[in-house]
């Protein structure tokens, strides 16, 4: 099997895992969002520590300790992913999975806006159109709800900004996740201590199956992320960007078809606008990729021609009779 094909399989596996998350976290009831989040952090840290120990990949900690700016970046990333995880868990617990899916649908558009605002990137005309249509979709949703779709914005804003920070910090997926979960470990243990003191902790008192599912939340968190990292190393970014729609499509279907969340006309119109924006965004990305490939092929052909010309010239000069 080729590396690219394996990359696609890793990417599909990652997004399928994220797409099934609402169903998985629904199984963790009657645990509340804070308890689930705290256990997710604790067991993610434990699992990643064990994984790095098996792989013997702890040397990066020495280098990281000498870079305070990088540590600060990782701390910021940890806070962002903590907000993202809580928003997702809270949305599942309060039956707002459809709004969560909206957040992940608009994340690519928000990432583009962050690229303009922070990295000073320039948008192509069709990208501006996609961002504009996505903005209208959020306005339509806000009018329908009588408020901003804050859960969708928290999910999109935290994950989009998290991606930007991770890009600047530059740690591999496994190492980065270990550092982030380790940074959140003490607050998570404090939450569990408080819940236990109040008698509100459920883990260990419901059933063995419930406890096992809570512990496995760490593995469920890590495996899709590692699969995504493997895919990112093998699959073109444009193709990976298209694969990322698998998860919100599954989450949307889960919210509507399985959890039977309401889908009034205004909300459906908002999703229609978001999907239109993503179609425009994806078509523009594919067109840009084809243009870049054609340009690269022309440059390669020109380079080969120049090399042949130089070779012929050298051959002709060396084979010419001496005066």
Protein backbone atom coordinates (compact mmCIF):
# COMPACT_ATOMS: atom_id res chain seq x y z
CA UNK A 1 0.00 0.00 0.00
CA UNK A 2 1.35 3.42 -0.97
CA UNK A 3 2.14 6.09 1.59
CA UNK A 4 -0.55 8.38 0.16
CA UNK A 5 -3.22 5.67 0.40
CA UNK A 6 -2.22 4.96 3.99
CA UNK A 7 -2.45 8.69 4.63
CA UNK A 8 -6.03 8.79 3.36
CA UNK A 9 -6.94 5.83 5.58
CA UNK A 10 -5.40 7.57 8.61
CA UNK A 11 -7.28 10.78 7.76
CA UNK A 12 -10.61 9.01 7.33
CA UNK A 13 -10.05 7.13 10.59
CA UNK A 14 -9.31 10.38 12.44
CA UNK A 15 -12.40 12.20 11.22
CA UNK A 16 -14.63 9.15 11.69
CA UNK A 17 -13.42 9.00 15.29
CA UNK A 18 -14.25 12.66 15.84
CA UNK A 19 -17.58 12.15 14.10
CA UNK A 20 -18.57 9.41 16.56
CA UNK A 21 -17.62 11.52 19.61
CA UNK A 22 -21.20 12.71 20.35
CA UNK A 23 -22.39 9.11 20.63
CA UNK A 24 -19.41 8.18 22.81
CA UNK A 25 -19.79 11.09 25.23
CA UNK A 26 -23.52 10.42 25.46
CA UNK A 27 -22.61 7.02 26.91
CA UNK A 28 -20.79 8.75 29.78
CA UNK A 29 -24.02 9.97 31.41
CA UNK A 30 -24.87 10.51 34.25
CA UNK A 31 -21.44 12.15 34.62
CA UNK A 32 -21.66 15.92 34.16
CA UNK A 33 -19.57 18.02 31.72
CA UNK A 34 -17.00 19.09 34.34
CA UNK A 35 -16.40 15.55 35.55
CA UNK A 36 -16.13 14.18 32.00
CA UNK A 37 -13.72 16.95 30.99
CA UNK A 38 -11.53 16.40 34.06
CA UNK A 39 -11.32 12.66 33.48
CA UNK A 40 -10.66 13.19 29.78
CA UNK A 41 -7.67 15.38 30.66
CA UNK A 42 -6.34 13.01 33.34
CA UNK A 43 -6.56 9.85 31.24
CA UNK A 44 -5.25 11.62 28.13
CA UNK A 45 -2.17 12.63 30.13
CA UNK A 46 -1.74 9.08 31.47
CA UNK A 47 -2.13 7.49 28.04
CA UNK A 48 0.22 9.93 26.30
CA UNK A 49 2.83 9.54 29.05
CA UNK A 50 2.72 5.76 28.62
CA UNK A 51 2.88 6.05 24.82
CA UNK A 52 5.89 8.38 24.87
CA UNK A 53 7.60 6.10 27.41
CA UNK A 54 7.13 3.11 25.09
CA UNK A 55 8.40 5.13 22.10
CA UNK A 56 11.22 6.66 24.20
CA UNK A 57 10.41 10.15 22.99
CA UNK A 58 10.99 12.22 26.11
CA UNK A 59 14.10 14.04 24.93
CA UNK A 60 12.01 16.91 23.58
CA UNK A 61 11.20 17.96 27.18
CA UNK A 62 14.81 19.09 27.75
CA UNK A 63 14.74 21.25 24.64
CA UNK A 64 11.30 22.60 25.50
CA UNK A 65 12.45 23.57 29.02
CA UNK A 66 15.02 25.93 27.47
CA UNK A 67 12.37 27.79 25.42
CA UNK A 68 10.06 29.83 27.68
CA UNK A 69 8.22 31.37 24.72
CA UNK A 70 7.41 27.93 23.40
CA UNK A 71 6.21 26.84 26.83
CA UNK A 72 3.95 29.89 26.98
CA UNK A 73 2.59 28.99 23.55
CA UNK A 74 1.86 25.45 24.69
CA UNK A 75 0.12 26.77 27.82
CA UNK A 76 -2.10 28.95 25.63
CA UNK A 77 -2.81 25.96 23.36
CA UNK A 78 -3.71 23.88 26.43
CA UNK A 79 -6.25 26.48 27.57
CA UNK A 80 -7.75 26.65 24.08
CA UNK A 81 -8.12 22.88 23.70
CA UNK A 82 -9.58 22.73 27.21
CA UNK A 83 -12.26 25.24 26.18
CA UNK A 84 -12.87 23.27 22.98
CA UNK A 85 -13.25 19.97 24.82
CA UNK A 86 -15.58 21.50 27.38
CA UNK A 87 -17.72 23.17 24.69
CA UNK A 88 -18.08 19.85 22.89
CA UNK A 89 -18.91 17.88 26.04
CA UNK A 90 -21.33 20.56 27.23
CA UNK A 91 -23.05 20.58 23.85
CA UNK A 92 -23.57 16.81 23.94
CA UNK A 93 -24.83 16.94 27.55
CA UNK A 94 -27.34 19.71 26.77
CA UNK A 95 -28.51 18.25 23.43
CA UNK A 96 -26.90 20.90 21.24
CA UNK A 97 -24.95 18.59 18.92
CA UNK A 98 -26.30 20.34 15.80
CA UNK A 99 -24.86 23.64 17.02
CA UNK A 100 -21.53 21.92 17.70
CA UNK A 101 -21.48 20.66 14.11
CA UNK A 102 -22.14 24.23 12.93
CA UNK A 103 -19.03 25.28 14.86
CA UNK A 104 -16.86 22.70 13.12
CA UNK A 105 -18.36 23.58 9.74
CA UNK A 106 -17.34 27.24 10.13
CA UNK A 107 -13.90 26.43 11.60
CA UNK A 108 -12.14 26.39 8.17
CA UNK A 109 -13.61 29.80 7.36
CA UNK A 110 -12.55 31.16 10.73
CA UNK A 111 -9.04 29.76 10.19
CA UNK A 112 -8.84 31.79 6.99
CA UNK A 113 -9.87 34.95 8.85
CA UNK A 114 -7.22 34.26 11.51
CA UNK A 115 -4.65 33.86 8.76
CA UNK A 116 -5.52 37.34 7.50
CA UNK A 117 -5.69 38.97 10.94
CA UNK A 118 -2.63 37.34 12.52
CA UNK A 119 -0.38 36.06 9.73
CA UNK A 120 -1.17 38.92 7.33
CA UNK A 121 -2.16 36.48 4.60
CA UNK A 122 -4.08 37.70 1.57
CA UNK A 123 -7.37 36.17 0.55
CA UNK A 124 -8.36 35.43 -3.01
CA UNK A 125 -11.73 36.86 -4.17
CA UNK A 126 -13.59 33.54 -3.84
CA UNK A 127 -12.22 33.11 -0.32
CA UNK A 128 -13.70 36.50 0.61
CA UNK A 129 -17.02 35.35 -0.88
CA UNK A 130 -16.92 32.17 1.24
CA UNK A 131 -16.14 34.12 4.41
CA UNK A 132 -18.94 36.58 3.66
CA UNK A 133 -21.50 33.83 3.09
CA UNK A 134 -20.38 32.10 6.29
CA UNK A 135 -20.82 35.35 8.22
CA UNK A 136 -24.35 35.73 6.87
CA UNK A 137 -25.06 32.16 8.03
CA UNK A 138 -24.01 33.01 11.60
CA UNK A 139 -26.22 36.14 11.50
CA UNK A 140 -29.20 34.07 10.29
CA UNK A 141 -28.63 31.59 13.10
CA UNK A 142 -28.34 34.41 15.65
CA UNK A 143 -31.61 35.98 14.50
CA UNK A 144 -33.37 32.61 14.73
CA UNK A 145 -32.04 31.92 18.23
CA UNK A 146 -32.45 35.47 19.49
CA UNK A 147 -28.78 35.35 20.51
CA UNK A 148 -25.40 34.54 19.05
CA UNK A 149 -24.77 30.79 18.53
CA UNK A 150 -22.16 31.08 21.26
CA UNK A 151 -21.50 27.35 21.55
CA UNK A 152 -20.71 27.07 17.84
CA UNK A 153 -18.51 30.18 18.06
CA UNK A 154 -16.66 28.86 21.14
CA UNK A 155 -16.00 25.52 19.43
CA UNK A 156 -14.89 27.15 16.17
CA UNK A 157 -12.94 29.97 17.80
CA UNK A 158 -11.06 27.76 20.26
CA UNK A 159 -10.18 25.08 17.68
CA UNK A 160 -9.27 27.57 14.96
CA UNK A 161 -7.02 29.56 17.28
CA UNK A 162 -5.60 26.31 18.68
CA UNK A 163 -4.52 25.30 15.17
CA UNK A 164 -2.84 28.66 14.66
CA UNK A 165 -0.94 28.44 17.97
CA UNK A 166 0.09 24.84 17.30
CA UNK A 167 1.43 25.85 13.90
CA UNK A 168 3.64 28.47 15.53
CA UNK A 169 4.82 26.23 18.37
CA UNK A 170 5.67 23.36 16.04
CA UNK A 171 5.63 20.33 18.37
CA UNK A 172 4.62 16.94 16.89
CA UNK A 173 1.11 15.71 17.68
CA UNK A 174 1.95 13.15 20.38
CA UNK A 175 4.44 15.37 22.20
CA UNK A 176 2.15 18.37 21.95
CA UNK A 177 -0.85 16.52 23.31
CA UNK A 178 1.17 15.19 26.24
CA UNK A 179 2.38 18.67 27.19
CA UNK A 180 -1.11 20.17 26.86
CA UNK A 181 -2.82 17.50 28.94
CA UNK A 182 0.00 17.63 31.52
CA UNK A 183 -0.47 21.40 31.84
CA UNK A 184 -4.18 20.88 32.49
CA UNK A 185 -3.64 17.95 34.85
CA UNK A 186 -3.56 19.84 38.17
CA UNK A 187 -6.75 21.86 37.47
CA UNK A 188 -8.46 18.63 36.35
CA UNK A 189 -7.45 16.81 39.55
CA UNK A 190 -8.67 19.80 41.57
CA UNK A 191 -12.08 19.59 39.85
CA UNK A 192 -12.32 15.87 40.62
CA UNK A 193 -11.33 16.53 44.25
CA UNK A 194 -14.05 19.19 44.64
CA UNK A 195 -16.70 17.01 42.99
CA UNK A 196 -15.72 14.11 45.21
CA UNK A 197 -15.89 16.30 48.31
CA UNK A 198 -19.39 17.45 47.37
CA UNK A 199 -20.54 13.90 46.69
CA UNK A 200 -21.21 14.79 43.04
CA UNK A 201 -18.66 12.43 41.48
CA UNK A 202 -20.22 9.52 39.60
CA UNK A 203 -17.17 7.60 38.37
CA UNK A 204 -16.74 4.42 40.36
CA UNK A 205 -20.28 4.49 41.71
CA UNK A 206 -22.39 3.84 38.58
CA UNK A 207 -21.01 0.67 37.03
CA UNK A 208 -17.80 -0.98 35.92
CA UNK A 209 -18.69 -0.36 32.28
CA UNK A 210 -19.20 3.36 32.98
CA UNK A 211 -15.80 3.61 34.69
CA UNK A 212 -14.09 1.79 31.81
CA UNK A 213 -15.68 4.15 29.28
CA UNK A 214 -14.49 7.17 31.29
CA UNK A 215 -10.93 5.82 31.42
CA UNK A 216 -10.99 5.06 27.69
CA UNK A 217 -11.83 8.72 27.00
CA UNK A 218 -8.08 9.36 27.08
CA UNK A 219 -7.45 6.78 24.36
CA UNK A 220 -10.45 8.03 22.36
CA UNK A 221 -8.96 11.52 22.51
CA UNK A 222 -5.43 10.53 21.52
CA UNK A 223 -5.98 8.00 18.73
CA UNK A 224 -7.80 10.32 16.26
CA UNK A 225 -5.24 13.06 16.87
CA UNK A 226 -2.32 10.73 16.18
CA UNK A 227 -4.10 9.37 13.09
CA UNK A 228 -4.59 12.94 11.91
CA UNK A 229 -0.87 13.67 12.35
CA UNK A 230 0.00 10.57 10.31
CA UNK A 231 -2.40 11.69 7.57
CA UNK A 232 -1.02 15.23 7.53
CA UNK A 233 2.45 13.83 6.77
CA UNK A 234 1.23 11.86 3.73
CA UNK A 235 -1.82 13.60 2.21
CA UNK A 236 -1.91 16.99 0.43
CA UNK A 237 -3.33 19.74 2.63
CA UNK A 238 -6.19 20.43 0.19
CA UNK A 239 -7.32 16.81 0.28
CA UNK A 240 -7.07 16.77 4.06
CA UNK A 241 -9.19 19.91 4.16
CA UNK A 242 -11.95 18.12 2.26
CA UNK A 243 -11.77 15.09 4.56
CA UNK A 244 -12.33 17.33 7.59
CA UNK A 245 -15.99 17.75 6.65
CA UNK A 246 -16.61 14.08 7.53
CA UNK A 247 -16.76 14.84 11.27
CA UNK A 248 -19.28 17.73 11.27
CA UNK A 249 -21.48 15.92 8.73
CA UNK A 250 -21.60 12.92 11.09
CA UNK A 251 -22.23 15.17 14.09
CA UNK A 252 -25.03 16.97 12.25
CA UNK A 253 -26.61 13.65 11.31
CA UNK A 254 -26.29 12.40 14.88
CA UNK A 255 -27.98 15.51 16.27
CA UNK A 256 -30.89 15.42 13.82
CA UNK A 257 -31.45 11.71 13.19
CA UNK A 258 -30.41 10.08 16.48
CA UNK A 259 -30.84 12.75 19.16
CA UNK A 260 -33.86 14.29 17.32
CA UNK A 261 -32.77 17.89 17.88
CA UNK A 262 -35.06 20.52 16.30
CA UNK A 263 -34.25 21.76 12.81
CA UNK A 264 -36.46 24.80 12.07
CA UNK A 265 -36.38 26.48 8.66
CA UNK A 266 -34.10 29.32 9.78
CA UNK A 267 -31.50 26.93 11.19
CA UNK A 268 -31.65 24.83 8.02
CA UNK A 269 -31.15 28.02 5.98
CA UNK A 270 -28.10 28.89 8.10
CA UNK A 271 -26.60 25.45 7.48
CA UNK A 272 -27.39 25.77 3.77
CA UNK A 273 -25.42 29.02 3.65
CA UNK A 274 -22.50 27.45 5.51
CA UNK A 275 -22.45 24.51 3.12
CA UNK A 276 -22.56 26.93 0.17
CA UNK A 277 -19.60 28.83 1.65
CA UNK A 278 -17.66 25.59 2.09
CA UNK A 279 -18.39 24.54 -1.50
CA UNK A 280 -17.03 27.87 -2.77
CA UNK A 281 -14.05 27.61 -0.42
CA UNK A 282 -13.23 24.03 -1.47
CA UNK A 283 -13.64 24.68 -5.21
CA UNK A 284 -11.32 27.66 -4.95
CA UNK A 285 -8.75 25.58 -3.06
CA UNK A 286 -8.88 22.80 -5.67
CA UNK A 287 -8.55 25.32 -8.52
CA UNK A 288 -5.58 26.96 -6.81
CA UNK A 289 -3.94 23.57 -6.31
CA UNK A 290 -4.35 22.66 -9.99
CA UNK A 291 -2.89 26.04 -11.01
CA UNK A 292 0.09 25.53 -8.70
CA UNK A 293 0.66 22.02 -10.08
CA UNK A 294 0.58 23.26 -13.68
CA UNK A 295 3.00 26.05 -12.83
CA UNK A 296 5.36 23.58 -11.13
CA UNK A 297 5.17 21.24 -14.15
CA UNK A 298 5.97 24.09 -16.56
CA UNK A 299 8.93 25.15 -14.44
CA UNK A 300 10.19 21.57 -14.30
CA UNK A 301 9.90 21.20 -18.08
CA UNK A 302 11.73 24.50 -18.56
CA UNK A 303 14.46 23.40 -16.14
CA UNK A 304 14.97 20.13 -18.02
CA UNK A 305 15.16 21.99 -21.33
CA UNK A 306 17.75 24.38 -19.91
CA UNK A 307 19.79 21.45 -18.61
CA UNK A 308 19.67 19.74 -22.02
CA UNK A 309 20.71 22.97 -23.71
CA UNK A 310 23.66 23.39 -21.35
CA UNK A 311 24.64 19.72 -21.80
CA UNK A 312 24.57 20.05 -25.60
CA UNK A 313 26.61 23.24 -25.41
CA UNK A 314 29.23 21.63 -23.17
CA UNK A 315 29.38 18.54 -25.40
CA UNK A 316 29.76 20.65 -28.50
CA UNK A 317 32.55 22.75 -26.99
CA UNK A 318 34.53 19.72 -25.75
CA UNK A 319 34.19 17.81 -29.03
CA UNK A 320 35.21 20.79 -31.19
CA UNK A 321 38.76 20.41 -32.79
CA UNK A 322 41.53 22.32 -31.06
CA UNK A 323 42.96 25.26 -33.03
